[in-house]
Amino acid sequence: MSLESIKEILETVCFYNTVNITQTFSKNEQALLTVVCLKNTSTLEVKNLQAQTVNYFESVEEAAVAIEKEIGAYNLTS
């Protein structure tokens, strides 16, 4: 998935920040990450389902780069 595609998805999630939308990023049918935009904010919460970690991002750009990196790291370890 391209960085631009990830950004578009995150921008959509943030646009609808008044409702609960969860975006799941998967690879080979295995869920890797979930992303939500905290209600009424522009803060993105990214959960790594394998490492069981949570990171918060104030910008779509930073979150997209982190997600792209995590997906790439999964490709190297799987």
N, C-alpha and C. Protein backbone atom coordinates (compact mmCIF):
# COMPACT_ATOMS: atom_id res chain seq x y z
N MET A 1 0.85 -1.17 0.00
CA MET A 1 0.00 0.00 0.00
C MET A 1 0.90 1.23 0.00
N SER A 2 0.57 2.17 -0.83
CA SER A 2 1.40 3.37 -0.95
C SER A 2 1.17 4.33 0.21
N LEU A 3 2.16 5.17 0.44
CA LEU A 3 2.05 6.19 1.48
C LEU A 3 0.86 7.11 1.22
N GLU A 4 0.65 7.47 -0.04
CA GLU A 4 -0.48 8.33 -0.39
C GLU A 4 -1.82 7.68 -0.07
N SER A 5 -1.94 6.38 -0.32
CA SER A 5 -3.18 5.66 -0.01
C SER A 5 -3.44 5.64 1.49
N ILE A 6 -2.37 5.42 2.26
CA ILE A 6 -2.50 5.42 3.72
C ILE A 6 -2.96 6.80 4.19
N LYS A 7 -2.37 7.85 3.65
CA LYS A 7 -2.75 9.22 4.02
C LYS A 7 -4.22 9.48 3.72
N GLU A 8 -4.68 9.06 2.56
CA GLU A 8 -6.09 9.26 2.19
C GLU A 8 -7.03 8.57 3.18
N ILE A 9 -6.68 7.36 3.56
CA ILE A 9 -7.50 6.62 4.53
C ILE A 9 -7.53 7.37 5.86
N LEU A 10 -6.37 7.80 6.32
CA LEU A 10 -6.29 8.50 7.60
C LEU A 10 -7.04 9.83 7.56
N GLU A 11 -6.96 10.54 6.46
CA GLU A 11 -7.69 11.80 6.32
C GLU A 11 -9.20 11.56 6.40
N THR A 12 -9.66 10.47 5.81
CA THR A 12 -11.08 10.13 5.88
C THR A 12 -11.49 9.80 7.31
N VAL A 13 -10.67 9.01 8.00
CA VAL A 13 -10.97 8.67 9.39
C VAL A 13 -11.05 9.94 10.24
N CYS A 14 -10.13 10.86 10.04
CA CYS A 14 -10.13 12.12 10.81
C CYS A 14 -11.31 13.02 10.44
N PHE A 15 -11.71 13.00 9.18
CA PHE A 15 -12.83 13.83 8.75
C PHE A 15 -14.10 13.47 9.52
N TYR A 16 -14.27 12.19 9.80
CA TYR A 16 -15.45 11.70 10.51
C TYR A 16 -15.13 11.46 11.98
N ASN A 17 -14.46 12.41 12.62
CA ASN A 17 -14.02 12.22 14.00
C ASN A 17 -15.12 12.38 15.05
N THR A 18 -16.34 12.61 14.62
CA THR A 18 -17.45 12.71 15.57
C THR A 18 -18.15 11.36 15.76
N VAL A 19 -17.74 10.37 15.00
CA VAL A 19 -18.28 9.01 15.13
C VAL A 19 -17.13 8.04 15.33
N ASN A 20 -17.46 6.83 15.73
CA ASN A 20 -16.42 5.83 15.97
C ASN A 20 -16.15 5.02 14.70
N ILE A 21 -15.02 5.29 14.07
CA ILE A 21 -14.59 4.54 12.89
C ILE A 21 -13.23 3.93 13.22
N THR A 22 -13.11 2.63 12.98
CA THR A 22 -11.83 1.95 13.16
C THR A 22 -11.38 1.41 11.82
N GLN A 23 -10.17 1.76 11.43
CA GLN A 23 -9.56 1.25 10.19
C GLN A 23 -8.55 0.18 10.58
N THR A 24 -8.65 -0.99 9.96
CA THR A 24 -7.71 -2.08 10.22
C THR A 24 -6.81 -2.26 9.02
N PHE A 25 -5.51 -2.33 9.27
CA PHE A 25 -4.52 -2.61 8.24
C PHE A 25 -4.09 -4.06 8.41
N SER A 26 -4.22 -4.84 7.33
CA SER A 26 -3.92 -6.27 7.37
C SER A 26 -2.90 -6.63 6.30
N LYS A 27 -2.25 -7.75 6.52
CA LYS A 27 -1.33 -8.31 5.53
C LYS A 27 -1.54 -9.81 5.53
N ASN A 28 -1.77 -10.39 4.36
CA ASN A 28 -2.02 -11.83 4.25
C ASN A 28 -3.12 -12.29 5.20
N GLU A 29 -4.19 -11.50 5.24
CA GLU A 29 -5.38 -11.78 6.05
C GLU A 29 -5.11 -11.75 7.55
N GLN A 30 -3.99 -11.19 7.97
CA GLN A 30 -3.67 -11.05 9.39
C GLN A 30 -3.72 -9.57 9.77
N ALA A 31 -4.58 -9.25 10.72
CA ALA A 31 -4.69 -7.86 11.16
C ALA A 31 -3.40 -7.44 11.86
N LEU A 32 -2.83 -6.32 11.42
CA LEU A 32 -1.58 -5.82 12.00
C LEU A 32 -1.80 -4.60 12.88
N LEU A 33 -2.56 -3.64 12.36
CA LEU A 33 -2.74 -2.35 13.03
C LEU A 33 -4.19 -1.92 12.96
N THR A 34 -4.63 -1.21 13.99
CA THR A 34 -5.92 -0.53 13.92
C THR A 34 -5.67 0.95 14.17
N VAL A 35 -6.49 1.77 13.54
CA VAL A 35 -6.37 3.22 13.68
C VAL A 35 -7.74 3.81 13.95
N VAL A 36 -7.80 4.69 14.93
CA VAL A 36 -9.00 5.48 15.18
C VAL A 36 -8.57 6.93 15.36
N CYS A 37 -9.47 7.83 15.06
CA CYS A 37 -9.26 9.24 15.36
C CYS A 37 -10.04 9.51 16.64
N LEU A 38 -9.36 9.99 17.66
CA LEU A 38 -10.03 10.23 18.92
C LEU A 38 -11.15 11.24 18.71
N LYS A 39 -12.27 10.95 19.34
CA LYS A 39 -13.50 11.71 19.10
C LYS A 39 -13.29 13.21 19.30
N ASN A 40 -13.75 13.97 18.30
CA ASN A 40 -13.71 15.43 18.29
C ASN A 40 -12.30 16.01 18.37
N THR A 41 -11.31 15.25 17.90
CA THR A 41 -9.92 15.74 17.84
C THR A 41 -9.36 15.37 16.47
N SER A 42 -8.10 15.69 16.26
CA SER A 42 -7.40 15.22 15.06
C SER A 42 -6.28 14.26 15.45
N THR A 43 -6.34 13.73 16.67
CA THR A 43 -5.33 12.80 17.18
C THR A 43 -5.64 11.39 16.69
N LEU A 44 -4.66 10.77 16.07
CA LEU A 44 -4.81 9.40 15.59
C LEU A 44 -4.18 8.43 16.58
N GLU A 45 -4.94 7.41 16.94
CA GLU A 45 -4.46 6.35 17.83
C GLU A 45 -4.17 5.12 16.98
N VAL A 46 -2.91 4.70 16.96
CA VAL A 46 -2.49 3.55 16.16
C VAL A 46 -2.10 2.43 17.11
N LYS A 47 -2.83 1.31 17.01
CA LYS A 47 -2.54 0.15 17.84
C LYS A 47 -1.86 -0.92 16.99
N ASN A 48 -0.71 -1.37 17.47
CA ASN A 48 -0.01 -2.50 16.85
C ASN A 48 -0.55 -3.74 17.54
N LEU A 49 -1.30 -4.55 16.82
CA LEU A 49 -1.98 -5.69 17.42
C LEU A 49 -1.02 -6.81 17.80
N GLN A 50 0.09 -6.94 17.10
CA GLN A 50 1.06 -7.98 17.42
C GLN A 50 1.91 -7.60 18.63
N ALA A 51 2.41 -6.38 18.65
CA ALA A 51 3.27 -5.92 19.75
C ALA A 51 2.45 -5.42 20.94
N GLN A 52 1.15 -5.26 20.74
CA GLN A 52 0.24 -4.75 21.75
C GLN A 52 0.71 -3.39 22.29
N THR A 53 1.04 -2.50 21.35
CA THR A 53 1.46 -1.15 21.71
C THR A 53 0.49 -0.15 21.11
N VAL A 54 0.46 1.04 21.69
CA VAL A 54 -0.40 2.11 21.20
C VAL A 54 0.45 3.37 21.05
N ASN A 55 0.32 4.03 19.90
CA ASN A 55 1.01 5.29 19.66
C ASN A 55 -0.01 6.32 19.21
N TYR A 56 0.25 7.57 19.57
CA TYR A 56 -0.64 8.67 19.21
C TYR A 56 0.10 9.64 18.29
N PHE A 57 -0.61 10.12 17.29
CA PHE A 57 -0.04 11.03 16.30
C PHE A 57 -0.95 12.23 16.12
N GLU A 58 -0.36 13.40 16.04
CA GLU A 58 -1.12 14.63 15.84
C GLU A 58 -1.25 14.98 14.37
N SER A 59 -0.47 14.31 13.51
CA SER A 59 -0.56 14.62 12.08
C SER A 59 -0.76 13.34 11.28
N VAL A 60 -1.50 13.49 10.19
CA VAL A 60 -1.73 12.38 9.27
C VAL A 60 -0.41 11.92 8.68
N GLU A 61 0.45 12.85 8.34
CA GLU A 61 1.75 12.53 7.73
C GLU A 61 2.58 11.62 8.64
N GLU A 62 2.71 11.99 9.91
CA GLU A 62 3.50 11.19 10.85
C GLU A 62 2.89 9.80 11.03
N ALA A 63 1.58 9.75 11.17
CA ALA A 63 0.91 8.46 11.35
C ALA A 63 1.08 7.58 10.12
N ALA A 64 0.95 8.16 8.94
CA ALA A 64 1.07 7.39 7.69
C ALA A 64 2.47 6.81 7.55
N VAL A 65 3.49 7.60 7.86
CA VAL A 65 4.87 7.11 7.77
C VAL A 65 5.08 5.96 8.76
N ALA A 66 4.57 6.10 9.98
CA ALA A 66 4.71 5.04 10.98
C ALA A 66 3.99 3.77 10.54
N ILE A 67 2.80 3.91 9.98
CA ILE A 67 2.04 2.74 9.51
C ILE A 67 2.77 2.06 8.36
N GLU A 68 3.25 2.85 7.42
CA GLU A 68 4.00 2.28 6.30
C GLU A 68 5.23 1.51 6.80
N LYS A 69 5.91 2.06 7.78
CA LYS A 69 7.09 1.41 8.36
C LYS A 69 6.71 0.09 9.03
N GLU A 70 5.61 0.09 9.79
CA GLU A 70 5.17 -1.14 10.47
C GLU A 70 4.78 -2.22 9.46
N ILE A 71 4.09 -1.83 8.41
CA ILE A 71 3.71 -2.81 7.38
C ILE A 71 4.97 -3.36 6.72
N GLY A 72 5.94 -2.50 6.43
CA GLY A 72 7.20 -2.93 5.85
C GLY A 72 7.98 -3.85 6.77
N ALA A 73 7.97 -3.56 8.07
CA ALA A 73 8.67 -4.40 9.05
C ALA A 73 8.03 -5.78 9.10
N TYR A 74 6.70 -5.82 8.97
CA TYR A 74 6.02 -7.11 8.96
C TYR A 74 6.47 -7.94 7.76
N ASN A 75 6.66 -7.30 6.62
CA ASN A 75 7.11 -8.02 5.42
C ASN A 75 8.47 -8.66 5.65
N LEU A 76 9.33 -8.00 6.44
CA LEU A 76 10.67 -8.52 6.69
C LEU A 76 10.68 -9.66 7.69
N THR A 77 9.72 -9.67 8.62
CA THR A 77 9.73 -10.67 9.68
C THR A 77 8.80 -11.85 9.42
N SER A 78 7.96 -11.76 8.42
CA SER A 78 7.01 -12.85 8.18
C SER A 78 7.52 -13.83 7.15
